[in-house]
Amino acid sequence: MKITNSSILIFACLFMTACGGGLVRGQPPLVGMSSLQSQQTEIQTRVDIYNPNGVDMMVQELEMSMTLGDTDLGSHNIQPGIKIYPNGTEEIGIEFPTMDAVRQTLADLESGDINSVPYTIRGRVFDTDGDSEQFSQDGYLYPLPGRPGEFRGAGPQRDGTRK
């Protein structure tokens, strides 16, 4: 069998292709609001955290601030201490106090007096090593038909920003 330069080139390309498909690592998590439920004294916000990596991600702490319409709901810091498996998603609940203006806005949304309510969430996800990733999401809330007091978040694609 005669080995030519083209045979070597083809073999090298096949070898590099086979070795090039390693695990994805170091990508920031994608964080976004999935739903919101209005209760008497608080707003229960459900946040999805997606791990785009091929390795486990440990979420030690989550800092998040939220604006609903024109109202700043403040910031919260929770320590969920959860493991998110490769390419997996976990949902975390965060409670914000309900203010009269927010309660009225959500009532107007639910009754159909307004079509949607803009929201913004911003924050950081901290892993067990103390490393952190920023996140932000701007979107709109819509009522869930047949589920009083429940709303779904929809908006632009979730934005993970490395810092």
Protein backbone atom coordinates (compact mmCIF):
# COMPACT_ATOMS: atom_id res chain seq x y z
CA MET A 1 0.00 0.00 0.00
CA LYS A 2 1.38 3.34 -1.03
CA ILE A 3 0.92 6.26 1.40
CA THR A 4 0.41 9.56 -0.37
CA ASN A 5 0.23 13.12 0.91
CA SER A 6 -3.53 13.16 0.29
CA SER A 7 -3.94 9.94 2.33
CA ILE A 8 -2.06 11.55 5.22
CA LEU A 9 -4.19 14.69 4.94
CA ILE A 10 -7.45 12.70 4.95
CA PHE A 11 -6.27 10.64 7.93
CA ALA A 12 -5.25 13.81 9.83
CA CYS A 13 -8.63 15.44 9.14
CA LEU A 14 -10.52 12.34 10.33
CA PHE A 15 -8.35 12.14 13.46
CA MET A 16 -8.89 15.84 14.31
CA THR A 17 -12.64 15.55 13.74
CA ALA A 18 -12.88 12.54 16.05
CA CYS A 19 -10.91 14.29 18.80
CA GLY A 20 -12.53 17.71 18.44
CA GLY A 21 -15.96 16.93 19.91
CA GLY A 22 -15.04 17.38 23.58
CA LEU A 23 -17.31 18.47 26.40
CA VAL A 24 -18.59 22.01 26.50
CA ARG A 25 -17.25 23.75 29.61
CA GLY A 26 -17.20 27.24 31.03
CA GLN A 27 -20.39 28.52 29.42
CA PRO A 28 -22.54 30.78 31.62
CA PRO A 29 -25.91 29.49 32.77
CA LEU A 30 -29.02 30.84 31.07
CA VAL A 31 -31.50 32.29 33.55
CA GLY A 32 -35.05 33.42 32.82
CA MET A 33 -38.40 33.84 34.51
CA SER A 34 -40.83 31.06 33.67
CA SER A 35 -43.87 32.09 35.71
CA LEU A 36 -45.23 34.38 38.37
CA GLN A 37 -48.05 33.82 40.84
CA SER A 38 -49.76 36.65 42.69
CA GLN A 39 -50.64 35.92 46.31
CA GLN A 40 -51.92 38.11 49.15
CA THR A 41 -48.60 39.20 50.62
CA GLU A 42 -46.04 38.20 47.99
CA ILE A 43 -45.36 37.46 44.36
CA GLN A 44 -43.97 33.97 43.85
CA THR A 45 -41.56 34.08 40.90
CA ARG A 46 -40.31 30.87 39.27
CA VAL A 47 -36.89 31.15 37.61
CA ASP A 48 -35.33 28.53 35.32
CA ILE A 49 -31.56 28.04 35.37
CA TYR A 50 -30.23 26.09 32.38
CA ASN A 51 -26.75 24.53 32.38
CA PRO A 52 -25.47 24.51 28.74
CA ASN A 53 -22.29 22.67 29.72
CA GLY A 54 -21.38 19.00 29.44
CA VAL A 55 -20.45 18.89 33.15
CA ASP A 56 -22.39 19.41 36.38
CA MET A 57 -22.91 22.98 37.59
CA MET A 58 -23.31 23.72 41.30
CA VAL A 59 -25.43 26.80 42.07
CA GLN A 60 -24.58 27.99 45.56
CA GLU A 61 -26.20 31.43 45.49
CA LEU A 62 -28.56 33.47 43.33
CA GLU A 63 -28.90 37.26 43.52
CA MET A 64 -31.83 38.70 41.60
CA SER A 65 -33.61 42.04 41.25
CA MET A 66 -36.92 42.47 39.46
CA THR A 67 -38.90 45.31 37.93
CA LEU A 68 -42.55 44.77 37.02
CA GLY A 69 -44.04 47.53 34.89
CA ASP A 70 -42.72 50.75 36.43
CA THR A 71 -42.32 49.24 39.91
CA ASP A 72 -38.98 48.10 41.31
CA LEU A 73 -39.68 45.02 43.44
CA GLY A 74 -36.22 45.07 44.99
CA SER A 75 -33.50 42.44 45.23
CA HIS A 76 -33.28 39.02 46.80
CA ASN A 77 -30.42 36.73 47.59
CA ILE A 78 -31.05 33.01 48.08
CA GLN A 79 -28.77 30.02 48.57
CA PRO A 80 -30.41 27.09 46.79
CA GLY A 81 -27.30 24.87 46.91
CA ILE A 82 -28.42 22.82 43.90
CA LYS A 83 -26.64 20.71 41.31
CA ILE A 84 -27.72 21.18 37.70
CA TYR A 85 -26.81 18.21 35.55
CA PRO A 86 -25.24 18.65 32.07
CA ASN A 87 -27.68 20.31 29.67
CA GLY A 88 -30.25 20.29 32.46
CA THR A 89 -32.61 22.89 33.92
CA GLU A 90 -33.66 23.53 37.50
CA GLU A 91 -36.46 25.80 38.66
CA ILE A 92 -36.07 28.03 41.72
CA GLY A 93 -38.77 30.03 43.50
CA ILE A 94 -38.13 33.59 44.67
CA GLU A 95 -40.68 35.62 46.63
CA PHE A 96 -41.03 39.39 46.28
CA PRO A 97 -43.35 41.49 48.45
CA THR A 98 -46.62 42.52 46.79
CA MET A 99 -47.22 46.25 46.57
CA ASP A 100 -50.62 47.83 45.91
CA ALA A 101 -49.51 49.19 42.52
CA VAL A 102 -48.30 45.74 41.43
CA ARG A 103 -51.45 44.03 42.72
CA GLN A 104 -53.56 46.50 40.68
CA THR A 105 -51.41 46.04 37.56
CA LEU A 106 -51.75 42.25 37.77
CA ALA A 107 -55.52 42.55 38.34
CA ASP A 108 -55.77 44.75 35.21
CA LEU A 109 -53.72 42.20 33.27
CA GLU A 110 -55.87 39.32 34.43
CA SER A 111 -59.14 41.13 33.63
CA GLY A 112 -57.94 42.00 30.12
CA ASP A 113 -57.82 45.77 30.74
CA ILE A 114 -54.18 45.62 29.61
CA ASN A 115 -52.58 43.08 27.26
CA SER A 116 -49.20 42.54 28.92
CA VAL A 117 -46.86 43.91 31.58
CA PRO A 118 -43.14 44.41 30.90
CA TYR A 119 -40.65 42.95 33.36
CA THR A 120 -36.91 42.90 33.84
CA ILE A 121 -34.85 40.51 35.93
CA ARG A 122 -31.14 40.97 36.56
CA GLY A 123 -28.67 39.27 38.81
CA ARG A 124 -25.81 36.88 39.37
CA VAL A 125 -25.41 33.13 39.78
CA PHE A 126 -22.59 32.01 42.10
CA ASP A 127 -21.08 28.53 42.05
CA THR A 128 -19.45 26.69 44.95
CA ASP A 129 -16.01 28.04 43.95
CA GLY A 130 -17.21 31.64 44.36
CA ASP A 131 -17.20 32.31 40.61
CA SER A 132 -20.20 34.25 39.32
CA GLU A 133 -22.04 34.90 36.07
CA GLN A 134 -24.35 37.83 35.37
CA PHE A 135 -27.76 37.37 33.77
CA SER A 136 -30.58 39.57 32.56
CA GLN A 137 -33.90 39.09 30.85
CA ASP A 138 -36.44 41.61 29.58
CA GLY A 139 -39.85 40.31 28.67
CA TYR A 140 -43.59 40.51 29.17
CA LEU A 141 -46.08 38.84 31.48
CA TYR A 142 -49.29 37.33 30.16
CA PRO A 143 -52.12 35.75 32.17
CA LEU A 144 -52.58 31.98 32.12
CA PRO A 145 -56.15 31.24 31.00
CA GLY A 146 -58.17 29.36 33.61
CA ARG A 147 -55.54 29.90 36.33
CA PRO A 148 -56.44 32.98 38.37
CA GLY A 149 -53.44 34.86 39.74
CA GLU A 150 -50.94 33.00 37.53
CA PHE A 151 -48.88 34.56 34.77
CA ARG A 152 -46.31 33.34 32.25
CA GLY A 153 -43.13 35.19 31.36
CA ALA A 154 -42.30 35.54 27.67
CA GLY A 155 -39.75 37.67 25.96
CA PRO A 156 -36.50 37.85 24.10
CA GLN A 157 -34.13 34.93 24.33
CA ARG A 158 -32.41 34.66 27.69
CA ASP A 159 -29.12 36.52 27.81
CA GLY A 160 -26.13 35.16 29.71
CA THR A 161 -23.36 37.73 29.98
CA ARG A 162 -19.91 36.69 31.19
CA LYS A 163 -18.14 38.99 33.67
